[in-house]
Amino acid sequence: MRRTYLYSIMLMLTLSFTFSGCTFKKMGTSSKYYQPRDQGFLTYTSRALHKEYNNLKGTRYCYGGTTRRCFDCSGFIIYTYKKSFNKNLPRTTRQMAKKGVWISKRELEIGDLIFFKSGWHVSHAGIYMGNGKFMHSSSSRGVVISRLENSYWKKRYYSARRVLD
């Protein structure tokens, strides 16, 4: 009986270490090897993203949407990056979350992709606009700009990736 109890505890500890390791693992390369971008690049990026936002603001949300008729979050990002920077990105948020270089939240710059998690998987993404704001396709409001410090987004923030050179 005592041996079974010990085996149970060992099994639970092993599983908890295994799963917690998966949960907190950061994917990709550390940002300490990535240089910040110059001001000219950031100004160009900001103007291009704001122009696209003004063209798409309010476009309704629809699951699987990739056109101006309607967007889901990854469809909006794909459309915006292709139109603004002629950059192709993968179709899903999970695939996008593996592209580019991982960066910390404090290193965010205009044009970086940000990812949110609810549950086990990355479930939402947006484009960082500077000053704590990001644009995305919200399921309730369509294409909007939101604040990272909003309590809803703050507790779901997961990671960020730099995909623009």
Protein backbone atom coordinates (compact mmCIF):
# COMPACT_ATOMS: atom_id res chain seq x y z
CA MET A 1 0.00 0.00 0.00
CA ARG A 2 2.79 2.44 0.92
CA ARG A 3 4.66 1.57 -2.30
CA THR A 4 1.55 2.30 -4.42
CA TYR A 5 1.15 5.66 -2.67
CA LEU A 6 4.78 6.59 -3.41
CA TYR A 7 4.43 5.56 -7.06
CA SER A 8 1.29 7.71 -7.35
CA ILE A 9 3.08 10.75 -5.94
CA MET A 10 6.08 10.20 -8.22
CA LEU A 11 3.78 9.89 -11.23
CA MET A 12 1.92 13.10 -10.34
CA LEU A 13 5.18 15.02 -9.87
CA THR A 14 6.57 13.74 -13.15
CA LEU A 15 3.41 14.71 -15.02
CA SER A 16 3.26 18.16 -13.40
CA PHE A 17 6.89 18.91 -14.33
CA THR A 18 6.32 17.63 -17.85
CA PHE A 19 3.20 19.69 -18.47
CA SER A 20 4.42 22.84 -16.77
CA GLY A 21 7.54 22.67 -18.93
CA CYS A 22 5.39 22.63 -22.04
CA THR A 23 3.20 25.45 -20.83
CA PHE A 24 5.96 27.92 -20.10
CA LYS A 25 8.35 27.09 -22.92
CA LYS A 26 9.07 29.99 -25.23
CA MET A 27 9.24 29.01 -28.88
CA GLY A 28 12.00 30.21 -31.15
CA THR A 29 15.12 32.27 -30.79
CA SER A 30 15.78 34.64 -27.92
CA SER A 31 15.51 38.30 -28.84
CA LYS A 32 18.91 39.17 -27.34
CA TYR A 33 20.42 38.35 -30.75
CA TYR A 34 18.01 40.63 -32.63
CA GLN A 35 18.81 44.32 -33.05
CA PRO A 36 16.10 46.96 -32.62
CA ARG A 37 14.94 48.53 -35.86
CA ASP A 38 15.86 52.10 -36.81
CA GLN A 39 13.44 55.02 -36.53
CA GLY A 40 13.00 55.36 -40.31
CA PHE A 41 11.84 51.76 -40.59
CA LEU A 42 9.43 52.20 -37.66
CA THR A 43 7.97 55.39 -39.17
CA TYR A 44 7.44 53.67 -42.53
CA THR A 45 5.88 50.63 -40.81
CA SER A 46 3.60 52.80 -38.68
CA ARG A 47 2.34 54.80 -41.67
CA ALA A 48 1.69 51.66 -43.72
CA LEU A 49 -0.22 49.98 -40.88
CA HIS A 50 -2.29 53.06 -40.04
CA LYS A 51 -3.18 53.49 -43.72
CA GLU A 52 -4.36 49.89 -43.90
CA TYR A 53 -6.25 50.20 -40.62
CA ASN A 54 -8.11 53.27 -41.93
CA ASN A 55 -9.10 51.27 -45.04
CA LEU A 56 -10.28 48.24 -43.05
CA LYS A 57 -11.62 49.73 -39.80
CA GLY A 58 -14.93 48.13 -38.85
CA THR A 59 -14.70 45.30 -41.42
CA ARG A 60 -16.78 42.55 -39.85
CA TYR A 61 -15.40 39.35 -38.35
CA CYS A 62 -16.10 35.92 -39.81
CA TYR A 63 -14.36 32.67 -39.04
CA GLY A 64 -12.01 31.76 -41.91
CA GLY A 65 -12.34 35.20 -43.51
CA THR A 66 -9.34 36.47 -45.51
CA THR A 67 -10.84 39.23 -47.68
CA ARG A 68 -12.19 42.77 -47.24
CA ARG A 69 -15.65 41.23 -47.04
CA CYS A 70 -14.79 39.79 -43.59
CA PHE A 71 -11.74 38.65 -41.60
CA ASP A 72 -10.80 36.34 -38.81
CA CYS A 73 -7.75 37.44 -36.79
CA SER A 74 -5.14 35.56 -38.83
CA GLY A 75 -6.85 36.41 -42.13
CA PHE A 76 -6.67 40.09 -41.20
CA ILE A 77 -2.95 39.82 -40.42
CA ILE A 78 -2.21 37.92 -43.64
CA TYR A 79 -4.12 40.49 -45.70
CA THR A 80 -2.47 43.47 -43.97
CA TYR A 81 1.10 42.15 -44.20
CA LYS A 82 0.68 41.19 -47.86
CA LYS A 83 -0.87 44.53 -48.81
CA SER A 84 1.42 46.74 -46.69
CA PHE A 85 4.76 44.89 -46.91
CA ASN A 86 4.35 42.24 -49.64
CA LYS A 87 5.06 39.68 -46.91
CA ASN A 88 3.47 36.22 -46.90
CA LEU A 89 2.57 34.66 -43.56
CA PRO A 90 1.13 31.25 -42.63
CA ARG A 91 -2.65 30.89 -42.48
CA THR A 92 -3.24 30.11 -38.79
CA THR A 93 -2.29 31.87 -35.56
CA ARG A 94 -0.55 28.72 -34.32
CA GLN A 95 1.66 28.66 -37.43
CA MET A 96 2.32 32.42 -37.22
CA ALA A 97 3.39 32.05 -33.58
CA LYS A 98 6.37 29.98 -34.79
CA LYS A 99 7.61 32.43 -37.46
CA GLY A 100 10.18 35.16 -37.05
CA VAL A 101 12.03 35.86 -33.83
CA TRP A 102 10.55 35.65 -30.34
CA ILE A 103 10.64 38.97 -28.47
CA SER A 104 9.68 39.95 -24.95
CA LYS A 105 6.70 42.18 -24.25
CA ARG A 106 8.98 45.05 -23.23
CA GLU A 107 10.76 44.87 -26.63
CA LEU A 108 7.59 45.28 -28.72
CA GLU A 109 7.92 47.56 -31.72
CA ILE A 110 5.45 48.69 -34.34
CA GLY A 111 4.59 45.85 -36.71
CA ASP A 112 5.36 42.97 -34.33
CA LEU A 113 2.82 40.17 -34.09
CA ILE A 114 1.28 39.54 -30.69
CA PHE A 115 -0.46 36.36 -29.60
CA PHE A 116 -3.07 35.56 -27.00
CA LYS A 117 -4.01 32.30 -25.36
CA SER A 118 -7.21 31.05 -23.82
CA GLY A 119 -6.86 27.44 -22.81
CA TRP A 120 -4.02 25.32 -24.16
CA HIS A 121 -3.43 26.91 -27.56
CA VAL A 122 -2.77 30.28 -29.15
CA SER A 123 -6.25 31.50 -30.00
CA HIS A 124 -5.93 35.10 -31.19
CA ALA A 125 -3.39 37.42 -32.81
CA GLY A 126 -2.93 41.07 -33.61
CA ILE A 127 -0.39 43.59 -34.92
CA TYR A 128 1.34 45.89 -32.44
CA MET A 129 0.84 49.58 -33.25
CA GLY A 130 2.97 51.20 -30.55
CA ASN A 131 2.03 52.92 -27.28
CA GLY A 132 0.45 49.76 -25.87
CA LYS A 133 -2.07 49.40 -28.73
CA PHE A 134 -2.66 46.69 -31.30
CA MET A 135 -4.98 46.22 -34.25
CA HIS A 136 -6.86 43.00 -34.83
CA SER A 137 -10.09 41.50 -36.06
CA SER A 138 -12.30 41.16 -33.00
CA SER A 139 -15.10 38.60 -33.12
CA SER A 140 -17.47 41.12 -31.52
CA ARG A 141 -16.42 44.42 -33.19
CA GLY A 142 -14.58 43.54 -36.40
CA VAL A 143 -11.31 45.32 -37.24
CA VAL A 144 -10.43 47.57 -34.30
CA ILE A 145 -7.52 48.94 -32.27
CA SER A 146 -7.39 47.75 -28.66
CA ARG A 147 -5.13 48.35 -25.66
CA LEU A 148 -2.84 45.60 -24.37
CA GLU A 149 -3.51 46.84 -20.82
CA ASN A 150 -7.23 46.13 -21.17
CA SER A 151 -7.93 43.48 -18.49
CA TYR A 152 -9.29 41.00 -21.06
CA TRP A 153 -6.18 41.13 -23.26
CA LYS A 154 -3.69 41.57 -20.42
CA LYS A 155 -4.55 38.24 -18.80
CA ARG A 156 -4.55 36.39 -22.14
CA TYR A 157 -1.29 37.81 -23.56
CA TYR A 158 1.03 34.94 -24.52
CA SER A 159 3.94 36.02 -26.74
CA ALA A 160 5.21 38.25 -29.52
CA ARG A 161 7.16 37.61 -32.72
CA ARG A 162 9.12 39.92 -34.98
CA VAL A 163 8.56 38.91 -38.61
CA LEU A 164 9.48 42.12 -40.45
CA ASP A 165 13.14 42.74 -41.29
